[in-house]
Amino acid sequence: MDEESRTATGRLQGMPAHLELTDERLVVRIGDEAVPRHDVPFHQITEVEDVVGLWTGYLTVHMGEAKLIFARVPKAEVKPMARTLRRLVAQAGPAPDEAPVAGHSPTPLEELERLGRLRDAGMLTPQEFDEAKRKFLDKL
C-alpha cells in the first residue's frame, strides 16, 4: 500500500485521540477538544514504532526519553501513518531558532549518518533515504 496517511484515530492513555500530521508537526487532540493536547515538531521525534494486531494496532512515537503510545489504532491506519510519519521525520531538519538537543549542531557527516541509521533500521525506504539525502545536500 503506497497511500500516504496524515490522520489516524486511536486511544492515548485510555482516551479517544485523533492524530494529524501537518507539514511540520504531529498534532494530537483528545476527544473533541479544540486545543491540541500534544503538538510535536517532527525534528523532536527520535523514533516511530508500529505494531499491528488482528483488528487494531499500536503506534509509539518517541521523543528522546518521552513517548506517546497510541493504542487501538485501526489496523488499516497503522502502517500508512507510521510510514508517512517516518518520512516526514527524516525530512525535517532542526528548527533554526531552537538549540540543538545534543548541545551542538550536527555536522553534515553526522546528519548523513543519522539518515543512514534510519534507512538501516528500516524506518526509511531506500527511495526515502535518497530523497532526504538529496534535500539535505541541496541545503549545503
N, C-alpha and C. Protein backbone atom coordinates (compact mmCIF):
# COMPACT_ATOMS: atom_id res chain seq x y z
N MET A 1 0.84 -1.17 0.00
CA MET A 1 0.00 0.00 0.00
C MET A 1 0.89 1.23 0.00
N ASP A 2 0.79 2.08 -1.04
CA ASP A 2 1.62 3.25 -1.16
C ASP A 2 0.92 4.53 -0.75
N GLU A 3 -0.29 4.44 -0.25
CA GLU A 3 -1.01 5.66 0.06
C GLU A 3 -0.40 6.34 1.28
N GLU A 4 -0.47 7.67 1.26
CA GLU A 4 0.05 8.46 2.37
C GLU A 4 -1.09 8.75 3.32
N SER A 5 -0.86 8.51 4.59
CA SER A 5 -1.87 8.76 5.60
C SER A 5 -1.41 9.88 6.51
N ARG A 6 -2.24 10.89 6.67
CA ARG A 6 -1.90 12.02 7.54
C ARG A 6 -2.83 12.13 8.74
N THR A 7 -3.79 11.22 8.87
CA THR A 7 -4.67 11.21 10.03
C THR A 7 -4.90 9.78 10.50
N ALA A 8 -5.15 9.65 11.78
CA ALA A 8 -5.46 8.34 12.37
C ALA A 8 -6.22 8.59 13.67
N THR A 9 -6.92 7.57 14.11
CA THR A 9 -7.60 7.63 15.39
C THR A 9 -7.06 6.51 16.26
N GLY A 10 -7.24 6.66 17.55
CA GLY A 10 -6.80 5.64 18.48
C GLY A 10 -7.12 6.08 19.89
N ARG A 11 -6.37 5.53 20.82
CA ARG A 11 -6.56 5.90 22.22
C ARG A 11 -5.20 6.24 22.81
N LEU A 12 -5.17 7.33 23.57
CA LEU A 12 -3.96 7.76 24.27
C LEU A 12 -4.30 7.83 25.74
N GLN A 13 -3.64 7.02 26.54
CA GLN A 13 -3.91 6.93 27.97
C GLN A 13 -5.40 6.66 28.23
N GLY A 14 -5.99 5.80 27.40
CA GLY A 14 -7.38 5.39 27.58
C GLY A 14 -8.41 6.35 27.03
N MET A 15 -7.97 7.50 26.51
CA MET A 15 -8.91 8.49 25.99
C MET A 15 -8.89 8.49 24.47
N PRO A 16 -10.03 8.73 23.82
CA PRO A 16 -10.06 8.76 22.35
C PRO A 16 -9.17 9.89 21.83
N ALA A 17 -8.32 9.55 20.87
CA ALA A 17 -7.35 10.52 20.34
C ALA A 17 -7.44 10.57 18.83
N HIS A 18 -7.18 11.76 18.30
CA HIS A 18 -7.12 11.98 16.85
C HIS A 18 -5.72 12.49 16.54
N LEU A 19 -5.00 11.79 15.67
CA LEU A 19 -3.65 12.18 15.28
C LEU A 19 -3.70 12.82 13.90
N GLU A 20 -2.96 13.90 13.74
CA GLU A 20 -2.89 14.57 12.45
C GLU A 20 -1.45 14.99 12.18
N LEU A 21 -0.99 14.75 10.96
CA LEU A 21 0.35 15.17 10.55
C LEU A 21 0.20 16.39 9.66
N THR A 22 0.82 17.50 10.09
CA THR A 22 0.87 18.69 9.25
C THR A 22 2.18 18.62 8.48
N ASP A 23 2.57 19.70 7.85
CA ASP A 23 3.86 19.71 7.15
C ASP A 23 5.03 19.80 8.11
N GLU A 24 4.79 20.20 9.36
CA GLU A 24 5.89 20.42 10.30
C GLU A 24 5.78 19.68 11.62
N ARG A 25 4.61 19.09 11.93
CA ARG A 25 4.44 18.53 13.27
C ARG A 25 3.36 17.47 13.35
N LEU A 26 3.40 16.75 14.48
CA LEU A 26 2.35 15.80 14.85
C LEU A 26 1.45 16.52 15.84
N VAL A 27 0.16 16.57 15.53
CA VAL A 27 -0.83 17.23 16.40
C VAL A 27 -1.77 16.15 16.92
N VAL A 28 -1.97 16.14 18.24
CA VAL A 28 -2.84 15.14 18.88
C VAL A 28 -3.94 15.86 19.65
N ARG A 29 -5.17 15.53 19.31
CA ARG A 29 -6.32 16.07 20.03
C ARG A 29 -7.01 14.92 20.77
N ILE A 30 -7.48 15.20 21.96
CA ILE A 30 -8.19 14.21 22.76
C ILE A 30 -9.68 14.51 22.65
N GLY A 31 -10.45 13.48 22.30
CA GLY A 31 -11.90 13.65 22.16
C GLY A 31 -12.22 14.73 21.16
N ASP A 32 -13.09 15.66 21.56
CA ASP A 32 -13.45 16.75 20.66
C ASP A 32 -12.84 18.09 21.11
N GLU A 33 -11.72 18.01 21.84
CA GLU A 33 -11.04 19.23 22.28
C GLU A 33 -10.58 20.05 21.08
N ALA A 34 -10.76 21.36 21.18
CA ALA A 34 -10.32 22.25 20.09
C ALA A 34 -8.82 22.49 20.16
N VAL A 35 -8.28 22.55 21.36
CA VAL A 35 -6.85 22.81 21.55
C VAL A 35 -6.11 21.47 21.59
N PRO A 36 -5.04 21.35 20.80
CA PRO A 36 -4.29 20.08 20.80
C PRO A 36 -3.72 19.76 22.18
N ARG A 37 -3.76 18.49 22.54
CA ARG A 37 -3.15 18.02 23.78
C ARG A 37 -1.64 17.93 23.62
N HIS A 38 -1.21 17.51 22.42
CA HIS A 38 0.22 17.41 22.10
C HIS A 38 0.45 18.04 20.73
N ASP A 39 1.55 18.76 20.62
CA ASP A 39 1.93 19.43 19.37
C ASP A 39 3.44 19.23 19.26
N VAL A 40 3.85 18.21 18.51
CA VAL A 40 5.26 17.79 18.50
C VAL A 40 5.90 18.07 17.13
N PRO A 41 6.86 18.99 17.08
CA PRO A 41 7.57 19.22 15.81
C PRO A 41 8.31 17.94 15.41
N PHE A 42 8.36 17.67 14.11
CA PHE A 42 8.98 16.43 13.62
C PHE A 42 10.44 16.30 14.05
N HIS A 43 11.16 17.42 14.13
CA HIS A 43 12.58 17.32 14.47
C HIS A 43 12.80 16.82 15.90
N GLN A 44 11.76 16.83 16.74
CA GLN A 44 11.89 16.32 18.11
C GLN A 44 11.63 14.82 18.20
N ILE A 45 11.08 14.23 17.16
CA ILE A 45 10.75 12.79 17.17
C ILE A 45 12.01 11.99 16.84
N THR A 46 12.34 11.04 17.71
CA THR A 46 13.56 10.26 17.52
C THR A 46 13.30 8.86 16.98
N GLU A 47 12.08 8.36 17.16
CA GLU A 47 11.77 7.00 16.67
C GLU A 47 10.27 6.83 16.56
N VAL A 48 9.86 5.99 15.61
CA VAL A 48 8.45 5.67 15.42
C VAL A 48 8.34 4.15 15.35
N GLU A 49 7.52 3.58 16.22
CA GLU A 49 7.31 2.13 16.22
C GLU A 49 5.86 1.83 15.88
N ASP A 50 5.63 0.74 15.17
CA ASP A 50 4.26 0.33 14.88
C ASP A 50 4.14 -1.17 15.06
N VAL A 51 2.99 -1.58 15.60
CA VAL A 51 2.68 -2.99 15.80
C VAL A 51 1.24 -3.19 15.36
N VAL A 52 1.01 -4.19 14.52
CA VAL A 52 -0.34 -4.46 14.02
C VAL A 52 -0.82 -5.79 14.58
N GLY A 53 -2.02 -5.76 15.12
CA GLY A 53 -2.66 -6.98 15.63
C GLY A 53 -3.72 -7.46 14.66
N LEU A 54 -4.66 -8.21 15.18
CA LEU A 54 -5.70 -8.79 14.34
C LEU A 54 -6.66 -7.72 13.78
N TRP A 55 -7.10 -6.78 14.62
CA TRP A 55 -8.03 -5.73 14.16
C TRP A 55 -7.48 -4.33 14.37
N THR A 56 -6.61 -4.17 15.35
CA THR A 56 -6.06 -2.85 15.65
C THR A 56 -4.56 -2.96 15.84
N GLY A 57 -3.94 -1.82 16.11
CA GLY A 57 -2.51 -1.82 16.34
C GLY A 57 -2.10 -0.70 17.27
N TYR A 58 -0.80 -0.58 17.45
CA TYR A 58 -0.20 0.44 18.29
C TYR A 58 0.74 1.28 17.45
N LEU A 59 0.83 2.55 17.81
CA LEU A 59 1.78 3.46 17.20
C LEU A 59 2.47 4.16 18.36
N THR A 60 3.78 3.99 18.47
CA THR A 60 4.55 4.62 19.55
C THR A 60 5.48 5.65 18.95
N VAL A 61 5.39 6.87 19.45
CA VAL A 61 6.21 7.98 18.97
C VAL A 61 7.16 8.37 20.09
N HIS A 62 8.46 8.22 19.85
CA HIS A 62 9.49 8.54 20.84
C HIS A 62 10.02 9.94 20.60
N MET A 63 10.19 10.68 21.69
CA MET A 63 10.81 12.00 21.66
C MET A 63 11.88 11.97 22.74
N GLY A 64 13.04 11.42 22.39
CA GLY A 64 14.08 11.21 23.39
C GLY A 64 13.59 10.18 24.40
N GLU A 65 13.58 10.55 25.68
CA GLU A 65 13.13 9.64 26.74
C GLU A 65 11.61 9.57 26.83
N ALA A 66 10.92 10.61 26.38
CA ALA A 66 9.46 10.65 26.43
C ALA A 66 8.88 9.88 25.25
N LYS A 67 7.65 9.40 25.42
CA LYS A 67 6.99 8.73 24.30
C LYS A 67 5.48 8.83 24.45
N LEU A 68 4.82 8.80 23.31
CA LEU A 68 3.36 8.76 23.24
C LEU A 68 2.99 7.41 22.65
N ILE A 69 2.12 6.67 23.33
CA ILE A 69 1.71 5.35 22.86
C ILE A 69 0.23 5.43 22.51
N PHE A 70 -0.05 5.25 21.23
CA PHE A 70 -1.41 5.27 20.74
C PHE A 70 -1.86 3.82 20.56
N ALA A 71 -2.91 3.44 21.27
CA ALA A 71 -3.44 2.08 21.21
C ALA A 71 -4.74 2.07 20.43
N ARG A 72 -5.14 0.88 20.03
CA ARG A 72 -6.41 0.65 19.34
C ARG A 72 -6.54 1.51 18.09
N VAL A 73 -5.44 1.69 17.39
CA VAL A 73 -5.47 2.36 16.10
C VAL A 73 -5.98 1.34 15.09
N PRO A 74 -6.97 1.68 14.27
CA PRO A 74 -7.46 0.71 13.29
C PRO A 74 -6.32 0.14 12.44
N LYS A 75 -6.38 -1.17 12.23
CA LYS A 75 -5.32 -1.89 11.54
C LYS A 75 -4.91 -1.22 10.23
N ALA A 76 -5.87 -0.78 9.44
CA ALA A 76 -5.58 -0.18 8.13
C ALA A 76 -4.88 1.16 8.24
N GLU A 77 -4.91 1.82 9.41
CA GLU A 77 -4.30 3.13 9.58
C GLU A 77 -2.88 3.07 10.13
N VAL A 78 -2.50 1.97 10.77
CA VAL A 78 -1.23 1.90 11.49
C VAL A 78 -0.03 2.05 10.56
N LYS A 79 0.13 1.14 9.61
CA LYS A 79 1.32 1.14 8.74
C LYS A 79 1.42 2.40 7.88
N PRO A 80 0.32 2.83 7.20
CA PRO A 80 0.44 4.05 6.39
C PRO A 80 0.81 5.28 7.23
N MET A 81 0.24 5.40 8.44
CA MET A 81 0.56 6.54 9.30
C MET A 81 2.01 6.47 9.76
N ALA A 82 2.47 5.31 10.16
CA ALA A 82 3.86 5.16 10.60
C ALA A 82 4.82 5.47 9.47
N ARG A 83 4.52 4.99 8.28
CA ARG A 83 5.39 5.23 7.11
C ARG A 83 5.47 6.72 6.79
N THR A 84 4.34 7.39 6.78
CA THR A 84 4.31 8.83 6.49
C THR A 84 5.04 9.61 7.57
N LEU A 85 4.81 9.26 8.83
CA LEU A 85 5.47 9.96 9.93
C LEU A 85 6.99 9.77 9.86
N ARG A 86 7.45 8.57 9.58
CA ARG A 86 8.90 8.33 9.45
C ARG A 86 9.50 9.18 8.33
N ARG A 87 8.79 9.25 7.21
CA ARG A 87 9.30 10.04 6.08
C ARG A 87 9.39 11.52 6.46
N LEU A 88 8.36 12.03 7.11
CA LEU A 88 8.36 13.44 7.49
C LEU A 88 9.42 13.75 8.53
N VAL A 89 9.64 12.82 9.46
CA VAL A 89 10.68 13.00 10.47
C VAL A 89 12.06 13.02 9.80
N ALA A 90 12.27 12.12 8.84
CA ALA A 90 13.56 12.06 8.15
C ALA A 90 13.83 13.33 7.35
N GLN A 91 12.78 13.93 6.81
CA GLN A 91 12.95 15.13 6.00
C GLN A 91 13.07 16.40 6.84
N ALA A 92 12.66 16.33 8.09
CA ALA A 92 12.67 17.52 8.95
C ALA A 92 14.09 17.82 9.39
N GLY A 93 14.46 19.03 9.27
CA GLY A 93 15.75 19.48 9.78
C GLY A 93 15.55 20.07 11.16
N PRO A 94 16.63 20.40 11.85
CA PRO A 94 16.48 21.03 13.16
C PRO A 94 15.86 22.41 13.00
N ALA A 95 15.08 22.83 13.99
CA ALA A 95 14.47 24.15 13.94
C ALA A 95 15.57 25.21 14.02
N PRO A 96 15.56 26.20 13.15
CA PRO A 96 16.63 27.19 13.13
C PRO A 96 16.70 28.02 14.40
N ASP A 97 15.58 28.23 15.08
CA ASP A 97 15.59 29.06 16.27
C ASP A 97 15.65 28.26 17.57
N GLU A 98 15.86 26.96 17.46
CA GLU A 98 15.88 26.09 18.62
C GLU A 98 17.28 25.55 18.85
N ALA A 99 17.70 25.52 20.10
CA ALA A 99 19.03 24.99 20.42
C ALA A 99 19.05 23.50 20.12
N PRO A 100 20.12 22.97 19.54
CA PRO A 100 20.21 21.54 19.26
C PRO A 100 20.10 20.72 20.54
N VAL A 101 19.46 19.58 20.43
CA VAL A 101 19.24 18.71 21.58
C VAL A 101 20.56 18.21 22.16
N ALA A 102 21.52 17.84 21.34
CA ALA A 102 22.77 17.26 21.81
C ALA A 102 23.77 18.33 22.26
N GLY A 103 23.41 19.60 22.16
CA GLY A 103 24.31 20.65 22.60
C GLY A 103 25.20 21.18 21.50
N HIS A 104 25.08 20.65 20.31
CA HIS A 104 25.84 21.16 19.17
C HIS A 104 25.07 20.90 17.88
N SER A 105 25.38 21.65 16.88
CA SER A 105 24.76 21.42 15.58
C SER A 105 25.43 20.23 14.92
N PRO A 106 24.65 19.31 14.38
CA PRO A 106 25.28 18.17 13.74
C PRO A 106 26.05 18.61 12.50
N THR A 107 27.17 17.97 12.30
CA THR A 107 27.95 18.23 11.09
C THR A 107 27.22 17.56 9.92
N PRO A 108 27.54 17.95 8.70
CA PRO A 108 26.91 17.27 7.56
C PRO A 108 27.12 15.76 7.60
N LEU A 109 28.31 15.32 8.01
CA LEU A 109 28.56 13.88 8.10
C LEU A 109 27.65 13.24 9.15
N GLU A 110 27.47 13.88 10.31
CA GLU A 110 26.60 13.32 11.35
C GLU A 110 25.16 13.22 10.87
N GLU A 111 24.70 14.23 10.13
CA GLU A 111 23.33 14.20 9.61
C GLU A 111 23.15 13.08 8.59
N LEU A 112 24.13 12.89 7.71
CA LEU A 112 24.06 11.80 6.74
C LEU A 112 24.10 10.45 7.43
N GLU A 113 24.90 10.34 8.49
CA GLU A 113 24.95 9.09 9.25
C GLU A 113 23.61 8.82 9.92
N ARG A 114 22.94 9.87 10.44
CA ARG A 114 21.63 9.71 11.06
C ARG A 114 20.62 9.18 10.04
N LEU A 115 20.64 9.76 8.85
CA LEU A 115 19.74 9.28 7.79
C LEU A 115 20.05 7.82 7.43
N GLY A 116 21.33 7.48 7.38
CA GLY A 116 21.73 6.11 7.09
C GLY A 116 21.24 5.13 8.15
N ARG A 117 21.31 5.54 9.42
CA ARG A 117 20.81 4.68 10.51
C ARG A 117 19.30 4.47 10.39
N LEU A 118 18.58 5.54 10.03
CA LEU A 118 17.14 5.40 9.83
C LEU A 118 16.83 4.42 8.71
N ARG A 119 17.61 4.50 7.62
CA ARG A 119 17.42 3.58 6.49
C ARG A 119 17.77 2.16 6.93
N ASP A 120 18.90 1.98 7.60
CA ASP A 120 19.34 0.65 8.00
C ASP A 120 18.39 0.00 9.01
N ALA A 121 17.72 0.84 9.81
CA ALA A 121 16.76 0.32 10.79
C ALA A 121 15.41 0.02 10.16
N GLY A 122 15.27 0.32 8.87
CA GLY A 122 14.02 0.06 8.18
C GLY A 122 12.99 1.16 8.35
N MET A 123 13.39 2.27 8.96
CA MET A 123 12.45 3.38 9.15
C MET A 123 12.29 4.20 7.88
N LEU A 124 13.25 4.10 6.97
CA LEU A 124 13.18 4.76 5.67
C LEU A 124 13.43 3.74 4.57
N THR A 125 12.68 3.86 3.50
CA THR A 125 12.98 3.03 2.34
C THR A 125 14.20 3.61 1.64
N PRO A 126 14.86 2.86 0.78
CA PRO A 126 15.99 3.43 0.04
C PRO A 126 15.60 4.69 -0.75
N GLN A 127 14.40 4.71 -1.29
CA GLN A 127 13.95 5.89 -2.04
C GLN A 127 13.77 7.09 -1.11
N GLU A 128 13.18 6.86 0.08
CA GLU A 128 13.00 7.95 1.04
C GLU A 128 14.35 8.46 1.53
N PHE A 129 15.29 7.54 1.74
CA PHE A 129 16.64 7.93 2.14
C PHE A 129 17.28 8.81 1.07
N ASP A 130 17.20 8.38 -0.19
CA ASP A 130 17.80 9.16 -1.29
C ASP A 130 17.18 10.55 -1.38
N GLU A 131 15.87 10.62 -1.21
CA GLU A 131 15.18 11.92 -1.28
C GLU A 131 15.61 12.83 -0.13
N ALA A 132 15.64 12.28 1.10
CA ALA A 132 16.05 13.08 2.26
C ALA A 132 17.51 13.52 2.13
N LYS A 133 18.36 12.63 1.63
CA LYS A 133 19.77 12.97 1.46
C LYS A 133 19.93 14.08 0.42
N ARG A 134 19.20 13.95 -0.67
CA ARG A 134 19.27 14.97 -1.72
C ARG A 134 18.83 16.33 -1.19
N LYS A 135 17.72 16.36 -0.45
CA LYS A 135 17.23 17.62 0.11
C LYS A 135 18.24 18.21 1.09
N PHE A 136 18.86 17.36 1.91
CA PHE A 136 19.86 17.84 2.84
C PHE A 136 21.06 18.41 2.11
N LEU A 137 21.56 17.70 1.12
CA LEU A 137 22.74 18.18 0.39
C LEU A 137 22.43 19.44 -0.40
N ASP A 138 21.20 19.59 -0.87
CA ASP A 138 20.82 20.80 -1.58
C ASP A 138 20.87 22.03 -0.69
N LYS A 139 20.68 21.84 0.63
CA LYS A 139 20.71 22.96 1.59
C LYS A 139 22.14 23.44 1.86
N LEU A 140 23.14 22.58 1.58
CA LEU A 140 24.54 22.96 1.88
C LEU A 140 25.08 23.98 0.93
